[in-house]
Amino acid sequence: MSLAEFVLALGATCRLTRFITKDTLAAGFRIWIAAHFGDDSKLSYLVNCTWCSSIWIAFAVASLGYCLDGSLWLQLPETALSLSYLAGISSRWLD
């Protein structure tokens, strides 16, 4: 994995983790998990914990990176997710 691929994978992992654990658009998913498995369930904890979710998301992103090995089908989504994450961080500094 090249440095560029690693940085894109890192950005994608950060954005996907933030989306699942904090984003309002994924709140329905987190509520659904809590309703079906309980607020105190391990799965509910997983979808609300950044540290817990990120390891599984990183595993999936790294696996895709290995399987698709620099494919444009992976680079485009990773780039978009990385840019989205950086834009979110930048908006905190600029606003």
PDB file of N, CA and C in Angstrom:
ATOM      1  N   MET A   1       0.849  -1.173   0.000  1.00  0.00           N
ATOM      2  CA  MET A   1       0.000   0.000   0.000  1.00  0.00           C
ATOM      3  C   MET A   1       0.896   1.237   0.000  1.00  0.00           C
ATOM      4  N   SER A   2       0.660   2.096  -0.957  1.00  0.00           N
ATOM      5  CA  SER A   2       1.455   3.324  -1.044  1.00  0.00           C
ATOM      6  C   SER A   2       1.004   4.308   0.031  1.00  0.00           C
ATOM      7  N   LEU A   3       1.797   5.345   0.227  1.00  0.00           N
ATOM      8  CA  LEU A   3       1.454   6.373   1.206  1.00  0.00           C
ATOM      9  C   LEU A   3       0.145   7.064   0.823  1.00  0.00           C
ATOM     10  N   ALA A   4      -0.036   7.343  -0.454  1.00  0.00           N
ATOM     11  CA  ALA A   4      -1.270   7.989  -0.915  1.00  0.00           C
ATOM     12  C   ALA A   4      -2.487   7.102  -0.644  1.00  0.00           C
ATOM     13  N   GLU A   5      -2.366   5.811  -0.919  1.00  0.00           N
ATOM     14  CA  GLU A   5      -3.465   4.885  -0.651  1.00  0.00           C
ATOM     15  C   GLU A   5      -3.765   4.804   0.836  1.00  0.00           C
ATOM     16  N   PHE A   6      -2.711   4.833   1.649  1.00  0.00           N
ATOM     17  CA  PHE A   6      -2.887   4.801   3.096  1.00  0.00           C
ATOM     18  C   PHE A   6      -3.623   6.044   3.597  1.00  0.00           C
ATOM     19  N   VAL A   7      -3.226   7.205   3.098  1.00  0.00           N
ATOM     20  CA  VAL A   7      -3.867   8.460   3.517  1.00  0.00           C
ATOM     21  C   VAL A   7      -5.339   8.475   3.105  1.00  0.00           C
ATOM     22  N   LEU A   8      -5.636   8.002   1.898  1.00  0.00           N
ATOM     23  CA  LEU A   8      -7.029   7.930   1.465  1.00  0.00           C
ATOM     24  C   LEU A   8      -7.830   6.939   2.320  1.00  0.00           C
ATOM     25  N   ALA A   9      -7.225   5.817   2.638  1.00  0.00           N
ATOM     26  CA  ALA A   9      -7.891   4.829   3.490  1.00  0.00           C
ATOM     27  C   ALA A   9      -8.133   5.400   4.888  1.00  0.00           C
ATOM     28  N   LEU A  10      -7.174   6.147   5.396  1.00  0.00           N
ATOM     29  CA  LEU A  10      -7.325   6.789   6.697  1.00  0.00           C
ATOM     30  C   LEU A  10      -8.480   7.784   6.688  1.00  0.00           C
ATOM     31  N   GLY A  11      -8.527   8.632   5.677  1.00  0.00           N
ATOM     32  CA  GLY A  11      -9.612   9.606   5.566  1.00  0.00           C
ATOM     33  C   GLY A  11     -10.973   8.939   5.436  1.00  0.00           C
ATOM     34  N   ALA A  12     -11.039   7.886   4.640  1.00  0.00           N
ATOM     35  CA  ALA A  12     -12.300   7.155   4.467  1.00  0.00           C
ATOM     36  C   ALA A  12     -12.733   6.512   5.783  1.00  0.00           C
ATOM     37  N   THR A  13     -11.789   5.939   6.505  1.00  0.00           N
ATOM     38  CA  THR A  13     -12.096   5.320   7.790  1.00  0.00           C
ATOM     39  C   THR A  13     -12.601   6.360   8.784  1.00  0.00           C
ATOM     40  N   CYS A  14     -11.952   7.510   8.827  1.00  0.00           N
ATOM     41  CA  CYS A  14     -12.379   8.580   9.730  1.00  0.00           C
ATOM     42  C   CYS A  14     -13.795   9.046   9.397  1.00  0.00           C
ATOM     43  N   ARG A  15     -14.076   9.250   8.124  1.00  0.00           N
ATOM     44  CA  ARG A  15     -15.391   9.773   7.728  1.00  0.00           C
ATOM     45  C   ARG A  15     -16.491   8.751   7.970  1.00  0.00           C
ATOM     46  N   LEU A  16     -16.251   7.498   7.613  1.00  0.00           N
ATOM     47  CA  LEU A  16     -17.260   6.458   7.833  1.00  0.00           C
ATOM     48  C   LEU A  16     -17.527   6.247   9.324  1.00  0.00           C
ATOM     49  N   THR A  17     -16.472   6.295  10.122  1.00  0.00           N
ATOM     50  CA  THR A  17     -16.634   6.142  11.569  1.00  0.00           C
ATOM     51  C   THR A  17     -17.457   7.291  12.135  1.00  0.00           C
ATOM     52  N   ARG A  18     -17.137   8.490  11.722  1.00  0.00           N
ATOM     53  CA  ARG A  18     -17.897   9.662  12.184  1.00  0.00           C
ATOM     54  C   ARG A  18     -19.352   9.561  11.746  1.00  0.00           C
ATOM     55  N   PHE A  19     -19.579   9.145  10.511  1.00  0.00           N
ATOM     56  CA  PHE A  19     -20.944   9.021  10.007  1.00  0.00           C
ATOM     57  C   PHE A  19     -21.758   8.044  10.854  1.00  0.00           C
ATOM     58  N   ILE A  20     -21.209   6.880  11.115  1.00  0.00           N
ATOM     59  CA  ILE A  20     -21.948   5.852  11.856  1.00  0.00           C
ATOM     60  C   ILE A  20     -22.166   6.241  13.312  1.00  0.00           C
ATOM     61  N   THR A  21     -21.159   6.808  13.959  1.00  0.00           N
ATOM     62  CA  THR A  21     -21.248   7.035  15.402  1.00  0.00           C
ATOM     63  C   THR A  21     -21.815   8.388  15.796  1.00  0.00           C
ATOM     64  N   LYS A  22     -21.743   9.396  14.936  1.00  0.00           N
ATOM     65  CA  LYS A  22     -22.128  10.748  15.357  1.00  0.00           C
ATOM     66  C   LYS A  22     -23.117  11.459  14.444  1.00  0.00           C
ATOM     67  N   ASP A  23     -23.142  11.146  13.176  1.00  0.00           N
ATOM     68  CA  ASP A  23     -23.909  11.922  12.202  1.00  0.00           C
ATOM     69  C   ASP A  23     -25.409  11.776  12.415  1.00  0.00           C
ATOM     70  N   THR A  24     -26.119  12.875  12.235  1.00  0.00           N
ATOM     71  CA  THR A  24     -27.574  12.889  12.376  1.00  0.00           C
ATOM     72  C   THR A  24     -28.240  11.961  11.367  1.00  0.00           C
ATOM     73  N   LEU A  25     -27.689  11.872  10.170  1.00  0.00           N
ATOM     74  CA  LEU A  25     -28.278  11.008   9.142  1.00  0.00           C
ATOM     75  C   LEU A  25     -28.249   9.530   9.529  1.00  0.00           C
ATOM     76  N   ALA A  26     -27.335   9.139  10.369  1.00  0.00           N
ATOM     77  CA  ALA A  26     -27.260   7.742  10.811  1.00  0.00           C
ATOM     78  C   ALA A  26     -27.932   7.531  12.163  1.00  0.00           C
ATOM     79  N   ALA A  27     -28.550   8.575  12.716  1.00  0.00           N
ATOM     80  CA  ALA A  27     -29.203   8.453  14.025  1.00  0.00           C
ATOM     81  C   ALA A  27     -30.306   7.394  13.996  1.00  0.00           C
ATOM     82  N   GLY A  28     -31.056   7.335  12.902  1.00  0.00           N
ATOM     83  CA  GLY A  28     -32.106   6.321  12.781  1.00  0.00           C
ATOM     84  C   GLY A  28     -31.542   4.916  12.866  1.00  0.00           C
ATOM     85  N   PHE A  29     -30.395   4.707  12.271  1.00  0.00           N
ATOM     86  CA  PHE A  29     -29.727   3.398  12.335  1.00  0.00           C
ATOM     87  C   PHE A  29     -29.340   3.070  13.773  1.00  0.00           C
ATOM     88  N   ARG A  30     -28.750   4.048  14.477  1.00  0.00           N
ATOM     89  CA  ARG A  30     -28.360   3.821  15.870  1.00  0.00           C
ATOM     90  C   ARG A  30     -29.585   3.574  16.745  1.00  0.00           C
ATOM     91  N   ILE A  31     -30.670   4.300  16.508  1.00  0.00           N
ATOM     92  CA  ILE A  31     -31.909   4.105  17.266  1.00  0.00           C
ATOM     93  C   ILE A  31     -32.494   2.724  16.978  1.00  0.00           C
ATOM     94  N   TRP A  32     -32.459   2.310  15.729  1.00  0.00           N
ATOM     95  CA  TRP A  32     -32.964   0.992  15.347  1.00  0.00           C
ATOM     96  C   TRP A  32     -32.179  -0.112  16.054  1.00  0.00           C
ATOM     97  N   ILE A  33     -30.856   0.033  16.072  1.00  0.00           N
ATOM     98  CA  ILE A  33     -30.008  -0.955  16.768  1.00  0.00           C
ATOM     99  C   ILE A  33     -30.381  -1.011  18.246  1.00  0.00           C
ATOM    100  N   ALA A  34     -30.508   0.140  18.890  1.00  0.00           N
ATOM    101  CA  ALA A  34     -30.854   0.189  20.314  1.00  0.00           C
ATOM    102  C   ALA A  34     -32.229  -0.413  20.570  1.00  0.00           C
ATOM    103  N   ALA A  35     -33.184  -0.148  19.675  1.00  0.00           N
ATOM    104  CA  ALA A  35     -34.543  -0.670  19.854  1.00  0.00           C
ATOM    105  C   ALA A  35     -34.592  -2.186  19.702  1.00  0.00           C
ATOM    106  N   HIS A  36     -33.792  -2.720  18.790  1.00  0.00           N
ATOM    107  CA  HIS A  36     -33.836  -4.163  18.530  1.00  0.00           C
ATOM    108  C   HIS A  36     -32.924  -4.982  19.439  1.00  0.00           C
ATOM    109  N   PHE A  37     -31.843  -4.380  19.897  1.00  0.00           N
ATOM    110  CA  PHE A  37     -30.875  -5.136  20.691  1.00  0.00           C
ATOM    111  C   PHE A  37     -30.726  -4.617  22.119  1.00  0.00           C
ATOM    112  N   GLY A  38     -31.360  -3.479  22.415  1.00  0.00           N
ATOM    113  CA  GLY A  38     -31.284  -2.891  23.748  1.00  0.00           C
ATOM    114  C   GLY A  38     -30.214  -1.816  23.835  1.00  0.00           C
ATOM    115  N   ASP A  39     -30.501  -0.811  24.665  1.00  0.00           N
ATOM    116  CA  ASP A  39     -29.542   0.292  24.843  1.00  0.00           C
ATOM    117  C   ASP A  39     -28.214  -0.166  25.425  1.00  0.00           C
ATOM    118  N   ASP A  40     -28.253  -1.206  26.222  1.00  0.00           N
ATOM    119  CA  ASP A  40     -27.045  -1.690  26.895  1.00  0.00           C
ATOM    120  C   ASP A  40     -26.356  -2.832  26.151  1.00  0.00           C
ATOM    121  N   SER A  41     -26.808  -3.126  24.938  1.00  0.00           N
ATOM    122  CA  SER A  41     -26.208  -4.231  24.182  1.00  0.00           C
ATOM    123  C   SER A  41     -24.837  -3.846  23.646  1.00  0.00           C
ATOM    124  N   LYS A  42     -24.064  -4.845  23.359  1.00  0.00           N
ATOM    125  CA  LYS A  42     -22.730  -4.607  22.799  1.00  0.00           C
ATOM    126  C   LYS A  42     -22.817  -4.001  21.403  1.00  0.00           C
ATOM    127  N   LEU A  43     -23.813  -4.394  20.636  1.00  0.00           N
ATOM    128  CA  LEU A  43     -23.970  -3.835  19.294  1.00  0.00           C
ATOM    129  C   LEU A  43     -24.350  -2.354  19.359  1.00  0.00           C
ATOM    130  N   SER A  44     -25.199  -1.998  20.296  1.00  0.00           N
ATOM    131  CA  SER A  44     -25.562  -0.599  20.492  1.00  0.00           C
ATOM    132  C   SER A  44     -24.333   0.205  20.911  1.00  0.00           C
ATOM    133  N   TYR A  45     -23.545  -0.364  21.783  1.00  0.00           N
ATOM    134  CA  TYR A  45     -22.303   0.297  22.203  1.00  0.00           C
ATOM    135  C   TYR A  45     -21.359   0.462  21.002  1.00  0.00           C
ATOM    136  N   LEU A  46     -21.274  -0.558  20.171  1.00  0.00           N
ATOM    137  CA  LEU A  46     -20.392  -0.528  19.006  1.00  0.00           C
ATOM    138  C   LEU A  46     -20.725   0.619  18.061  1.00  0.00           C
ATOM    139  N   VAL A  47     -22.019   0.827  17.776  1.00  0.00           N
ATOM    140  CA  VAL A  47     -22.392   1.861  16.804  1.00  0.00           C
ATOM    141  C   VAL A  47     -22.379   3.266  17.408  1.00  0.00           C
ATOM    142  N   ASN A  48     -22.123   3.363  18.702  1.00  0.00           N
ATOM    143  CA  ASN A  48     -22.027   4.668  19.354  1.00  0.00           C
ATOM    144  C   ASN A  48     -20.608   5.001  19.812  1.00  0.00           C
ATOM    145  N   CYS A  49     -19.709   4.058  19.723  1.00  0.00           N
ATOM    146  CA  CYS A  49     -18.331   4.232  20.195  1.00  0.00           C
ATOM    147  C   CYS A  49     -17.385   4.402  18.999  1.00  0.00           C
ATOM    148  N   THR A  50     -16.743   5.557  18.936  1.00  0.00           N
ATOM    149  CA  THR A  50     -15.825   5.839  17.832  1.00  0.00           C
ATOM    150  C   THR A  50     -14.655   4.855  17.808  1.00  0.00           C
ATOM    151  N   TRP A  51     -14.074   4.621  18.955  1.00  0.00           N
ATOM    152  CA  TRP A  51     -12.933   3.708  19.019  1.00  0.00           C
ATOM    153  C   TRP A  51     -13.328   2.285  18.621  1.00  0.00           C
ATOM    154  N   CYS A  52     -14.502   1.871  19.064  1.00  0.00           N
ATOM    155  CA  CYS A  52     -14.962   0.500  18.786  1.00  0.00           C
ATOM    156  C   CYS A  52     -15.308   0.305  17.314  1.00  0.00           C
ATOM    157  N   SER A  53     -16.014   1.269  16.740  1.00  0.00           N
ATOM    158  CA  SER A  53     -16.423   1.169  15.330  1.00  0.00           C
ATOM    159  C   SER A  53     -15.241   1.286  14.379  1.00  0.00           C
ATOM    160  N   SER A  54     -14.299   2.156  14.733  1.00  0.00           N
ATOM    161  CA  SER A  54     -13.214   2.444  13.788  1.00  0.00           C
ATOM    162  C   SER A  54     -12.363   1.219  13.457  1.00  0.00           C
ATOM    163  N   ILE A  55     -12.178   0.314  14.395  1.00  0.00           N
ATOM    164  CA  ILE A  55     -11.348  -0.857  14.113  1.00  0.00           C
ATOM    165  C   ILE A  55     -12.007  -1.754  13.065  1.00  0.00           C
ATOM    166  N   TRP A  56     -13.333  -1.896  13.140  1.00  0.00           N
ATOM    167  CA  TRP A  56     -14.052  -2.735  12.179  1.00  0.00           C
ATOM    168  C   TRP A  56     -14.144  -2.050  10.821  1.00  0.00           C
ATOM    169  N   ILE A  57     -14.355  -0.747  10.843  1.00  0.00           N
ATOM    170  CA  ILE A  57     -14.399   0.000   9.587  1.00  0.00           C
ATOM    171  C   ILE A  57     -13.027  -0.001   8.936  1.00  0.00           C
ATOM    172  N   ALA A  58     -11.987   0.181   9.727  1.00  0.00           N
ATOM    173  CA  ALA A  58     -10.621   0.149   9.196  1.00  0.00           C
ATOM    174  C   ALA A  58     -10.303  -1.216   8.589  1.00  0.00           C
ATOM    175  N   PHE A  59     -10.758  -2.268   9.240  1.00  0.00           N
ATOM    176  CA  PHE A  59     -10.546  -3.611   8.705  1.00  0.00           C
ATOM    177  C   PHE A  59     -11.220  -3.760   7.343  1.00  0.00           C
ATOM    178  N   ALA A  60     -12.462  -3.272   7.224  1.00  0.00           N
ATOM    179  CA  ALA A  60     -13.188  -3.366   5.951  1.00  0.00           C
ATOM    180  C   ALA A  60     -12.515  -2.524   4.875  1.00  0.00           C
ATOM    181  N   VAL A  61     -12.110  -1.301   5.222  1.00  0.00           N
ATOM    182  CA  VAL A  61     -11.453  -0.417   4.248  1.00  0.00           C
ATOM    183  C   VAL A  61     -10.113  -1.014   3.813  1.00  0.00           C
ATOM    184  N   ALA A  62      -9.339  -1.517   4.759  1.00  0.00           N
ATOM    185  CA  ALA A  62      -8.047  -2.128   4.422  1.00  0.00           C
ATOM    186  C   ALA A  62      -8.226  -3.383   3.566  1.00  0.00           C
ATOM    187  N   SER A  63      -9.243  -4.172   3.876  1.00  0.00           N
ATOM    188  CA  SER A  63      -9.512  -5.375   3.081  1.00  0.00           C
ATOM    189  C   SER A  63      -9.885  -5.020   1.650  1.00  0.00           C
ATOM    190  N   LEU A  64     -10.736  -4.010   1.503  1.00  0.00           N
ATOM    191  CA  LEU A  64     -11.083  -3.551   0.156  1.00  0.00           C
ATOM    192  C   LEU A  64      -9.849  -3.032  -0.573  1.00  0.00           C
ATOM    193  N   GLY A  65      -9.021  -2.298   0.147  1.00  0.00           N
ATOM    194  CA  GLY A  65      -7.786  -1.792  -0.452  1.00  0.00           C
ATOM    195  C   GLY A  65      -6.882  -2.912  -0.940  1.00  0.00           C
ATOM    196  N   TYR A  66      -6.818  -3.973  -0.156  1.00  0.00           N
ATOM    197  CA  TYR A  66      -6.004  -5.120  -0.551  1.00  0.00           C
ATOM    198  C   TYR A  66      -6.598  -5.830  -1.763  1.00  0.00           C
ATOM    199  N   CYS A  67      -7.915  -6.046  -1.736  1.00  0.00           N
ATOM    200  CA  CYS A  67      -8.584  -6.781  -2.816  1.00  0.00           C
ATOM    201  C   CYS A  67      -8.636  -5.986  -4.120  1.00  0.00           C
ATOM    202  N   LEU A  68      -8.896  -4.700  -4.026  1.00  0.00           N
ATOM    203  CA  LEU A  68      -9.039  -3.886  -5.230  1.00  0.00           C
ATOM    204  C   LEU A  68      -7.726  -3.242  -5.668  1.00  0.00           C
ATOM    205  N   ASP A  69      -6.719  -3.271  -4.827  1.00  0.00           N
ATOM    206  CA  ASP A  69      -5.336  -2.871  -5.123  1.00  0.00           C
ATOM    207  C   ASP A  69      -5.219  -1.655  -6.044  1.00  0.00           C
ATOM    208  N   GLY A  70      -5.618  -0.516  -5.525  1.00  0.00           N
ATOM    209  CA  GLY A  70      -5.443   0.717  -6.278  1.00  0.00           C
ATOM    210  C   GLY A  70      -6.455   0.947  -7.386  1.00  0.00           C
ATOM    211  N   SER A  71      -7.514   0.196  -7.398  1.00  0.00           N
ATOM    212  CA  SER A  71      -8.538   0.325  -8.430  1.00  0.00           C
ATOM    213  C   SER A  71      -9.229   1.684  -8.328  1.00  0.00           C
ATOM    214  N   LEU A  72      -9.644   2.203  -9.463  1.00  0.00           N
ATOM    215  CA  LEU A  72     -10.385   3.454  -9.491  1.00  0.00           C
ATOM    216  C   LEU A  72     -11.696   3.325  -8.728  1.00  0.00           C
ATOM    217  N   TRP A  73     -12.280   2.132  -8.691  1.00  0.00           N
ATOM    218  CA  TRP A  73     -13.522   1.887  -7.965  1.00  0.00           C
ATOM    219  C   TRP A  73     -13.336   2.058  -6.465  1.00  0.00           C
ATOM    220  N   LEU A  74     -12.130   1.980  -5.981  1.00  0.00           N
ATOM    221  CA  LEU A  74     -11.846   2.224  -4.577  1.00  0.00           C
ATOM    222  C   LEU A  74     -11.321   3.640  -4.365  1.00  0.00           C
ATOM    223  N   GLN A  75     -10.489   4.114  -5.270  1.00  0.00           N
ATOM    224  CA  GLN A  75      -9.886   5.441  -5.107  1.00  0.00           C
ATOM    225  C   GLN A  75     -10.921   6.562  -5.104  1.00  0.00           C
ATOM    226  N   LEU A  76     -11.918   6.487  -5.949  1.00  0.00           N
ATOM    227  CA  LEU A  76     -12.927   7.547  -6.014  1.00  0.00           C
ATOM    228  C   LEU A  76     -13.730   7.672  -4.717  1.00  0.00           C
ATOM    229  N   PRO A  77     -14.304   6.588  -4.189  1.00  0.00           N
ATOM    230  CA  PRO A  77     -15.028   6.729  -2.924  1.00  0.00           C
ATOM    231  C   PRO A  77     -14.110   7.133  -1.761  1.00  0.00           C
ATOM    232  N   GLU A  78     -12.910   6.577  -1.726  1.00  0.00           N
ATOM    233  CA  GLU A  78     -11.982   6.943  -0.659  1.00  0.00           C
ATOM    234  C   GLU A  78     -11.611   8.419  -0.731  1.00  0.00           C
ATOM    235  N   THR A  79     -11.406   8.918  -1.935  1.00  0.00           N
ATOM    236  CA  THR A  79     -11.082  10.333  -2.099  1.00  0.00           C
ATOM    237  C   THR A  79     -12.249  11.201  -1.666  1.00  0.00           C
ATOM    238  N   ALA A  80     -13.458  10.852  -2.090  1.00  0.00           N
ATOM    239  CA  ALA A  80     -14.645  11.622  -1.711  1.00  0.00           C
ATOM    240  C   ALA A  80     -14.847  11.608  -0.194  1.00  0.00           C
ATOM    241  N   LEU A  81     -14.708  10.459   0.427  1.00  0.00           N
ATOM    242  CA  LEU A  81     -14.864  10.363   1.876  1.00  0.00           C
ATOM    243  C   LEU A  81     -13.781  11.149   2.611  1.00  0.00           C
ATOM    244  N   SER A  82     -12.558  11.077   2.115  1.00  0.00           N
ATOM    245  CA  SER A  82     -11.453  11.816   2.730  1.00  0.00           C
ATOM    246  C   SER A  82     -11.668  13.317   2.616  1.00  0.00           C
ATOM    247  N   LEU A  83     -12.079  13.773   1.429  1.00  0.00           N
ATOM    248  CA  LEU A  83     -12.344  15.198   1.238  1.00  0.00           C
ATOM    249  C   LEU A  83     -13.509  15.657   2.108  1.00  0.00           C
ATOM    250  N   SER A  84     -14.528  14.832   2.241  1.00  0.00           N
ATOM    251  CA  SER A  84     -15.659  15.159   3.095  1.00  0.00           C
ATOM    252  C   SER A  84     -15.214  15.320   4.545  1.00  0.00           C
ATOM    253  N   TYR A  85     -14.373  14.418   4.992  1.00  0.00           N
ATOM    254  CA  TYR A  85     -13.878  14.499   6.371  1.00  0.00           C
ATOM    255  C   TYR A  85     -13.050  15.757   6.575  1.00  0.00           C
ATOM    256  N   LEU A  86     -12.167  16.049   5.630  1.00  0.00           N
ATOM    257  CA  LEU A  86     -11.332  17.248   5.738  1.00  0.00           C
ATOM    258  C   LEU A  86     -12.161  18.522   5.667  1.00  0.00           C
ATOM    259  N   ALA A  87     -13.203  18.525   4.857  1.00  0.00           N
ATOM    260  CA  ALA A  87     -14.089  19.690   4.775  1.00  0.00           C
ATOM    261  C   ALA A  87     -14.807  19.904   6.108  1.00  0.00           C
ATOM    262  N   GLY A  88     -15.229  18.824   6.741  1.00  0.00           N
ATOM    263  CA  GLY A  88     -15.884  18.935   8.048  1.00  0.00           C
ATOM    264  C   GLY A  88     -14.952  19.494   9.098  1.00  0.00           C
ATOM    265  N   ILE A  89     -13.722  19.012   9.109  1.00  0.00           N
ATOM    266  CA  ILE A  89     -12.737  19.525  10.064  1.00  0.00           C
ATOM    267  C   ILE A  89     -12.425  20.990   9.757  1.00  0.00           C
ATOM    268  N   SER A  90     -12.260  21.310   8.490  1.00  0.00           N
ATOM    269  CA  SER A  90     -11.940  22.686   8.084  1.00  0.00           C
ATOM    270  C   SER A  90     -13.053  23.653   8.453  1.00  0.00           C
ATOM    271  N   SER A  91     -14.288  23.219   8.333  1.00  0.00           N
ATOM    272  CA  SER A  91     -15.409  24.117   8.643  1.00  0.00           C
ATOM    273  C   SER A  91     -15.424  24.513  10.100  1.00  0.00           C
ATOM    274  N   ARG A  92     -14.929  23.658  10.964  1.00  0.00           N
ATOM    275  CA  ARG A  92     -14.840  24.006  12.385  1.00  0.00           C
ATOM    276  C   ARG A  92     -13.867  25.158  12.598  1.00  0.00           C
ATOM    277  N   TRP A  93     -12.779  25.155  11.836  1.00  0.00           N
ATOM    278  CA  TRP A  93     -11.756  26.203  11.967  1.00  0.00           C
ATOM    279  C   TRP A  93     -12.187  27.492  11.284  1.00  0.00           C
ATOM    280  N   LEU A  94     -12.932  27.367  10.190  1.00  0.00           N
ATOM    281  CA  LEU A  94     -13.285  28.534   9.406  1.00  0.00           C
ATOM    282  C   LEU A  94     -14.547  29.241   9.893  1.00  0.00           C
ATOM    283  N   ASP A  95     -15.439  28.537  10.551  1.00  0.00           N
ATOM    284  CA  ASP A  95     -16.702  29.135  11.010  1.00  0.00           C
ATOM    285  C   ASP A  95     -16.521  29.944  12.276  1.00  0.00           C
TER     286      ASP A  95
END
